[in-house]
Amino acid sequence: MPMNGRRKSPRYHCRGTASIQVLPENPENRFPARILSLSQSGCLMVLRQPIPELSLDQVIELLFEVKGLPFRLRARAKSFCPHHTVGFEFLDVSARKRGQLEDLIEELARESSYIDRRAGERH
């Protein structure tokens, strides 16, 4: 399987709806987002608006749906990119959720290509 730089697992393009709940400061407040890519260890999302409360390494709750499969996972903000794009690392994923995530990633792998940032190209 391809690896690149600091990435633990290959990332695949996907589309889906999402929301981000900042913890614990805003337990009632969710922020809408879209998921752009997914890997076994994390995802890349674009926010509809900046979230001032969100900081690097902050633990949040992600809710997202890709190909009709809903996920609710704790994650940590690991990178901030231009255009309100944020990279998240999943935390403490249960065996059941990990299996569902693996199944989804296998499906994405069959349908599309992985992203290799080092080469700047898709495979």
N, C-alpha and C. Protein backbone atom coordinates (compact mmCIF):
# COMPACT_ATOMS: atom_id res chain seq x y z
N MET A 1 0.83 -1.18 0.00
CA MET A 1 0.00 0.00 0.00
C MET A 1 0.87 1.24 0.00
N PRO A 2 0.43 2.28 -0.68
CA PRO A 2 1.23 3.49 -0.74
C PRO A 2 1.26 4.21 0.60
N MET A 3 2.41 4.79 0.88
CA MET A 3 2.54 5.62 2.07
C MET A 3 3.14 6.92 1.58
N ASN A 4 2.90 7.99 2.29
CA ASN A 4 3.58 9.21 1.91
C ASN A 4 3.84 10.06 3.12
N GLY A 5 5.06 10.55 3.20
CA GLY A 5 5.45 11.45 4.27
C GLY A 5 5.04 10.95 5.64
N ARG A 6 4.31 11.78 6.35
CA ARG A 6 3.89 11.45 7.71
C ARG A 6 2.57 10.70 7.75
N ARG A 7 1.98 10.46 6.61
CA ARG A 7 0.69 9.79 6.56
C ARG A 7 0.81 8.32 6.96
N LYS A 8 -0.10 7.86 7.82
CA LYS A 8 -0.07 6.48 8.30
C LYS A 8 -0.69 5.51 7.31
N SER A 9 -1.64 5.99 6.50
CA SER A 9 -2.34 5.13 5.55
C SER A 9 -2.77 5.96 4.35
N PRO A 10 -2.98 5.32 3.19
CA PRO A 10 -3.37 6.06 1.99
C PRO A 10 -4.72 6.75 2.18
N ARG A 11 -4.85 7.86 1.52
CA ARG A 11 -6.07 8.65 1.61
C ARG A 11 -6.79 8.59 0.27
N TYR A 12 -8.12 8.47 0.31
CA TYR A 12 -8.92 8.34 -0.90
C TYR A 12 -9.93 9.47 -1.01
N HIS A 13 -10.12 9.96 -2.25
CA HIS A 13 -11.13 10.97 -2.50
C HIS A 13 -12.50 10.41 -2.15
N CYS A 14 -13.34 11.25 -1.59
CA CYS A 14 -14.72 10.86 -1.34
C CYS A 14 -15.55 12.14 -1.22
N ARG A 15 -16.84 11.96 -1.18
CA ARG A 15 -17.74 13.09 -0.97
C ARG A 15 -18.73 12.70 0.11
N GLY A 16 -19.04 13.66 0.94
CA GLY A 16 -20.03 13.39 1.97
C GLY A 16 -20.32 14.60 2.81
N THR A 17 -21.41 14.53 3.52
CA THR A 17 -21.80 15.60 4.42
C THR A 17 -21.14 15.36 5.77
N ALA A 18 -20.96 16.44 6.51
CA ALA A 18 -20.30 16.31 7.81
C ALA A 18 -20.68 17.46 8.71
N SER A 19 -20.43 17.26 10.00
CA SER A 19 -20.50 18.36 10.95
C SER A 19 -19.42 18.13 12.01
N ILE A 20 -18.99 19.23 12.59
CA ILE A 20 -17.92 19.21 13.58
C ILE A 20 -18.48 19.79 14.87
N GLN A 21 -18.31 19.06 15.94
CA GLN A 21 -18.73 19.56 17.25
C GLN A 21 -17.48 19.78 18.09
N VAL A 22 -17.27 21.03 18.47
CA VAL A 22 -16.11 21.37 19.30
C VAL A 22 -16.40 20.94 20.73
N LEU A 23 -15.43 20.25 21.33
CA LEU A 23 -15.59 19.74 22.69
C LEU A 23 -14.56 20.37 23.61
N PRO A 24 -14.80 20.59 24.87
CA PRO A 24 -16.11 20.59 25.53
C PRO A 24 -16.75 21.96 25.52
N GLU A 25 -16.07 22.98 24.95
CA GLU A 25 -16.55 24.36 25.06
C GLU A 25 -17.94 24.59 24.45
N ASN A 26 -18.25 23.94 23.36
CA ASN A 26 -19.51 24.16 22.67
C ASN A 26 -20.25 22.85 22.42
N PRO A 27 -20.66 22.14 23.47
CA PRO A 27 -21.28 20.84 23.26
C PRO A 27 -22.58 20.89 22.47
N GLU A 28 -23.25 22.02 22.44
CA GLU A 28 -24.51 22.14 21.71
C GLU A 28 -24.32 22.65 20.28
N ASN A 29 -23.14 23.14 19.97
CA ASN A 29 -22.93 23.83 18.70
C ASN A 29 -22.19 22.95 17.70
N ARG A 30 -22.83 22.69 16.59
CA ARG A 30 -22.21 21.92 15.51
C ARG A 30 -22.00 22.81 14.30
N PHE A 31 -20.88 22.57 13.61
CA PHE A 31 -20.52 23.38 12.46
C PHE A 31 -20.56 22.51 11.20
N PRO A 32 -21.27 22.93 10.16
CA PRO A 32 -21.38 22.13 8.94
C PRO A 32 -20.07 22.09 8.17
N ALA A 33 -19.83 20.96 7.49
CA ALA A 33 -18.61 20.77 6.70
C ALA A 33 -18.89 19.74 5.61
N ARG A 34 -17.90 19.55 4.74
CA ARG A 34 -17.94 18.50 3.72
C ARG A 34 -16.66 17.69 3.86
N ILE A 35 -16.77 16.38 3.71
CA ILE A 35 -15.58 15.53 3.74
C ILE A 35 -15.05 15.42 2.32
N LEU A 36 -13.73 15.58 2.17
CA LEU A 36 -13.08 15.56 0.86
C LEU A 36 -12.29 14.28 0.61
N SER A 37 -11.66 13.77 1.67
CA SER A 37 -10.88 12.54 1.52
C SER A 37 -10.86 11.81 2.85
N LEU A 38 -10.58 10.50 2.77
CA LEU A 38 -10.69 9.63 3.93
C LEU A 38 -9.57 8.60 3.91
N SER A 39 -9.06 8.30 5.10
CA SER A 39 -8.10 7.21 5.27
C SER A 39 -8.47 6.45 6.52
N GLN A 40 -7.77 5.37 6.79
CA GLN A 40 -8.03 4.59 7.99
C GLN A 40 -7.74 5.40 9.25
N SER A 41 -6.85 6.37 9.15
CA SER A 41 -6.44 7.11 10.34
C SER A 41 -6.98 8.53 10.44
N GLY A 42 -7.66 9.02 9.39
CA GLY A 42 -8.18 10.38 9.47
C GLY A 42 -8.88 10.82 8.21
N CYS A 43 -9.16 12.12 8.13
CA CYS A 43 -9.88 12.65 6.97
C CYS A 43 -9.52 14.12 6.77
N LEU A 44 -9.91 14.62 5.61
CA LEU A 44 -9.74 16.03 5.28
C LEU A 44 -11.14 16.59 5.04
N MET A 45 -11.44 17.71 5.69
CA MET A 45 -12.76 18.33 5.57
C MET A 45 -12.61 19.80 5.22
N VAL A 46 -13.61 20.32 4.52
CA VAL A 46 -13.68 21.75 4.27
C VAL A 46 -14.87 22.28 5.07
N LEU A 47 -14.62 23.33 5.83
CA LEU A 47 -15.63 23.95 6.67
C LEU A 47 -16.43 24.96 5.86
N ARG A 48 -17.69 25.10 6.16
CA ARG A 48 -18.50 26.13 5.48
C ARG A 48 -18.13 27.51 5.98
N GLN A 49 -17.61 27.58 7.18
CA GLN A 49 -17.19 28.84 7.79
C GLN A 49 -16.06 28.55 8.76
N PRO A 50 -15.22 29.53 9.05
CA PRO A 50 -14.16 29.30 10.04
C PRO A 50 -14.77 29.00 11.41
N ILE A 51 -14.07 28.21 12.20
CA ILE A 51 -14.49 27.90 13.56
C ILE A 51 -13.43 28.49 14.49
N PRO A 52 -13.71 29.67 15.04
CA PRO A 52 -12.70 30.32 15.89
C PRO A 52 -12.28 29.47 17.08
N GLU A 53 -13.18 28.62 17.58
CA GLU A 53 -12.89 27.80 18.76
C GLU A 53 -11.97 26.62 18.45
N LEU A 54 -11.73 26.33 17.17
CA LEU A 54 -10.95 25.16 16.78
C LEU A 54 -9.47 25.49 16.71
N SER A 55 -8.66 24.69 17.40
CA SER A 55 -7.21 24.91 17.40
C SER A 55 -6.48 23.59 17.12
N LEU A 56 -5.22 23.71 16.75
CA LEU A 56 -4.39 22.55 16.45
C LEU A 56 -4.35 21.60 17.64
N ASP A 57 -4.51 20.31 17.38
CA ASP A 57 -4.50 19.22 18.37
C ASP A 57 -5.73 19.21 19.28
N GLN A 58 -6.71 20.05 19.00
CA GLN A 58 -7.93 20.05 19.80
C GLN A 58 -8.78 18.83 19.47
N VAL A 59 -9.33 18.19 20.48
CA VAL A 59 -10.19 17.03 20.31
C VAL A 59 -11.62 17.51 20.03
N ILE A 60 -12.21 16.96 18.98
CA ILE A 60 -13.57 17.31 18.58
C ILE A 60 -14.33 16.02 18.27
N GLU A 61 -15.60 16.16 17.96
CA GLU A 61 -16.39 15.02 17.50
C GLU A 61 -16.77 15.28 16.05
N LEU A 62 -16.51 14.30 15.20
CA LEU A 62 -16.87 14.39 13.79
C LEU A 62 -18.09 13.52 13.53
N LEU A 63 -19.03 14.06 12.81
CA LEU A 63 -20.15 13.29 12.32
C LEU A 63 -20.11 13.43 10.80
N PHE A 64 -20.04 12.31 10.10
CA PHE A 64 -20.01 12.40 8.65
C PHE A 64 -20.68 11.18 8.02
N GLU A 65 -21.06 11.36 6.77
CA GLU A 65 -21.70 10.28 6.02
C GLU A 65 -21.08 10.23 4.64
N VAL A 66 -20.63 9.05 4.26
CA VAL A 66 -20.06 8.81 2.94
C VAL A 66 -20.70 7.55 2.39
N LYS A 67 -21.24 7.64 1.18
CA LYS A 67 -21.89 6.50 0.51
C LYS A 67 -22.99 5.89 1.39
N GLY A 68 -23.71 6.76 2.09
CA GLY A 68 -24.83 6.31 2.91
C GLY A 68 -24.45 5.72 4.26
N LEU A 69 -23.16 5.66 4.57
CA LEU A 69 -22.72 5.10 5.85
C LEU A 69 -22.40 6.23 6.84
N PRO A 70 -23.12 6.30 7.95
CA PRO A 70 -22.86 7.36 8.93
C PRO A 70 -21.75 6.97 9.91
N PHE A 71 -20.96 7.94 10.30
CA PHE A 71 -19.89 7.74 11.28
C PHE A 71 -19.95 8.85 12.31
N ARG A 72 -19.64 8.51 13.53
CA ARG A 72 -19.51 9.47 14.63
C ARG A 72 -18.23 9.09 15.36
N LEU A 73 -17.19 9.92 15.20
CA LEU A 73 -15.87 9.60 15.72
C LEU A 73 -15.24 10.80 16.42
N ARG A 74 -14.48 10.52 17.44
CA ARG A 74 -13.67 11.58 18.05
C ARG A 74 -12.41 11.72 17.20
N ALA A 75 -11.95 12.95 17.09
CA ALA A 75 -10.77 13.22 16.26
C ALA A 75 -10.02 14.41 16.83
N ARG A 76 -8.82 14.59 16.29
CA ARG A 76 -7.97 15.71 16.70
C ARG A 76 -7.63 16.50 15.43
N ALA A 77 -7.74 17.83 15.52
CA ALA A 77 -7.35 18.70 14.41
C ALA A 77 -5.84 18.63 14.25
N LYS A 78 -5.36 18.18 13.10
CA LYS A 78 -3.92 18.00 12.89
C LYS A 78 -3.30 18.98 11.91
N SER A 79 -4.11 19.55 11.01
CA SER A 79 -3.55 20.52 10.07
C SER A 79 -4.63 21.47 9.59
N PHE A 80 -4.22 22.70 9.39
CA PHE A 80 -5.10 23.72 8.85
C PHE A 80 -4.54 24.14 7.49
N CYS A 81 -5.37 24.08 6.47
CA CYS A 81 -4.96 24.39 5.11
C CYS A 81 -5.78 25.59 4.60
N PRO A 82 -5.41 26.14 3.45
CA PRO A 82 -6.18 27.27 2.90
C PRO A 82 -7.64 26.90 2.66
N HIS A 83 -8.47 27.90 2.55
CA HIS A 83 -9.88 27.76 2.19
C HIS A 83 -10.68 26.95 3.21
N HIS A 84 -10.41 27.15 4.49
CA HIS A 84 -11.16 26.51 5.59
C HIS A 84 -11.08 24.99 5.54
N THR A 85 -9.96 24.46 5.10
CA THR A 85 -9.77 23.02 5.02
C THR A 85 -8.95 22.56 6.22
N VAL A 86 -9.43 21.48 6.88
CA VAL A 86 -8.79 20.99 8.09
C VAL A 86 -8.58 19.48 7.98
N GLY A 87 -7.39 19.03 8.37
CA GLY A 87 -7.09 17.60 8.44
C GLY A 87 -7.32 17.11 9.86
N PHE A 88 -7.99 15.98 10.00
CA PHE A 88 -8.29 15.40 11.32
C PHE A 88 -7.71 14.00 11.43
N GLU A 89 -7.24 13.66 12.62
CA GLU A 89 -6.78 12.32 12.94
C GLU A 89 -7.82 11.67 13.85
N PHE A 90 -8.28 10.47 13.49
CA PHE A 90 -9.26 9.77 14.31
C PHE A 90 -8.63 9.29 15.60
N LEU A 91 -9.42 9.28 16.68
CA LEU A 91 -8.95 8.85 18.00
C LEU A 91 -9.82 7.73 18.54
N ASP A 92 -9.21 6.75 19.17
CA ASP A 92 -9.94 5.70 19.91
C ASP A 92 -11.10 5.11 19.11
N VAL A 93 -10.83 4.65 17.91
CA VAL A 93 -11.87 4.07 17.06
C VAL A 93 -12.15 2.65 17.53
N SER A 94 -13.41 2.34 17.81
CA SER A 94 -13.78 1.00 18.27
C SER A 94 -13.53 -0.02 17.16
N ALA A 95 -13.42 -1.28 17.53
CA ALA A 95 -13.21 -2.35 16.55
C ALA A 95 -14.34 -2.38 15.53
N ARG A 96 -15.56 -2.18 15.99
CA ARG A 96 -16.71 -2.20 15.08
C ARG A 96 -16.63 -1.05 14.07
N LYS A 97 -16.37 0.17 14.55
CA LYS A 97 -16.26 1.32 13.65
C LYS A 97 -15.06 1.18 12.73
N ARG A 98 -13.95 0.62 13.25
CA ARG A 98 -12.76 0.42 12.42
C ARG A 98 -13.09 -0.53 11.26
N GLY A 99 -13.86 -1.58 11.55
CA GLY A 99 -14.26 -2.51 10.50
C GLY A 99 -15.14 -1.84 9.45
N GLN A 100 -16.07 -1.00 9.89
CA GLN A 100 -16.93 -0.27 8.95
C GLN A 100 -16.10 0.69 8.11
N LEU A 101 -15.15 1.33 8.75
CA LEU A 101 -14.26 2.25 8.04
C LEU A 101 -13.41 1.51 7.01
N GLU A 102 -12.89 0.35 7.39
CA GLU A 102 -12.11 -0.46 6.45
C GLU A 102 -12.95 -0.87 5.24
N ASP A 103 -14.19 -1.28 5.48
CA ASP A 103 -15.08 -1.67 4.37
C ASP A 103 -15.32 -0.49 3.43
N LEU A 104 -15.57 0.68 3.99
CA LEU A 104 -15.80 1.87 3.17
C LEU A 104 -14.56 2.22 2.38
N ILE A 105 -13.40 2.18 3.00
CA ILE A 105 -12.16 2.52 2.31
C ILE A 105 -11.86 1.53 1.20
N GLU A 106 -12.14 0.25 1.43
CA GLU A 106 -11.97 -0.75 0.36
C GLU A 106 -12.85 -0.42 -0.83
N GLU A 107 -14.07 0.00 -0.56
CA GLU A 107 -14.98 0.38 -1.64
C GLU A 107 -14.47 1.62 -2.37
N LEU A 108 -14.01 2.61 -1.63
CA LEU A 108 -13.45 3.81 -2.25
C LEU A 108 -12.22 3.47 -3.07
N ALA A 109 -11.40 2.55 -2.58
CA ALA A 109 -10.18 2.15 -3.29
C ALA A 109 -10.51 1.50 -4.62
N ARG A 110 -11.57 0.70 -4.64
CA ARG A 110 -11.97 0.04 -5.89
C ARG A 110 -12.51 1.05 -6.90
N GLU A 111 -13.17 2.10 -6.40
CA GLU A 111 -13.84 3.06 -7.29
C GLU A 111 -12.97 4.22 -7.73
N SER A 112 -11.96 4.56 -6.94
CA SER A 112 -11.20 5.75 -7.28
C SER A 112 -9.72 5.50 -7.14
N SER A 113 -9.01 6.54 -6.77
CA SER A 113 -7.56 6.44 -6.67
C SER A 113 -7.11 7.08 -5.37
N TYR A 114 -5.94 6.67 -4.91
CA TYR A 114 -5.42 7.27 -3.70
C TYR A 114 -4.67 8.54 -4.04
N ILE A 115 -4.45 9.36 -3.04
CA ILE A 115 -3.78 10.64 -3.21
C ILE A 115 -2.36 10.50 -2.70
N ASP A 116 -1.38 10.80 -3.54
CA ASP A 116 0.01 10.78 -3.13
C ASP A 116 0.51 12.22 -3.15
N ARG A 117 0.57 12.84 -1.97
CA ARG A 117 0.97 14.24 -1.88
C ARG A 117 2.42 14.46 -2.26
N ARG A 118 3.30 13.49 -2.01
CA ARG A 118 4.71 13.67 -2.34
C ARG A 118 4.88 13.89 -3.82
N ALA A 119 4.20 13.08 -4.61
CA ALA A 119 4.33 13.18 -6.06
C ALA A 119 3.36 14.19 -6.64
N GLY A 120 2.38 14.63 -5.82
CA GLY A 120 1.41 15.58 -6.31
C GLY A 120 0.50 15.02 -7.37
N GLU A 121 0.28 13.72 -7.31
CA GLU A 121 -0.56 13.10 -8.33
C GLU A 121 -1.44 12.03 -7.75
N ARG A 122 -2.44 11.66 -8.53
CA ARG A 122 -3.35 10.60 -8.13
C ARG A 122 -2.90 9.31 -8.79
N HIS A 123 -3.16 8.18 -8.10
CA HIS A 123 -2.79 6.86 -8.62
C HIS A 123 -4.02 6.00 -8.78
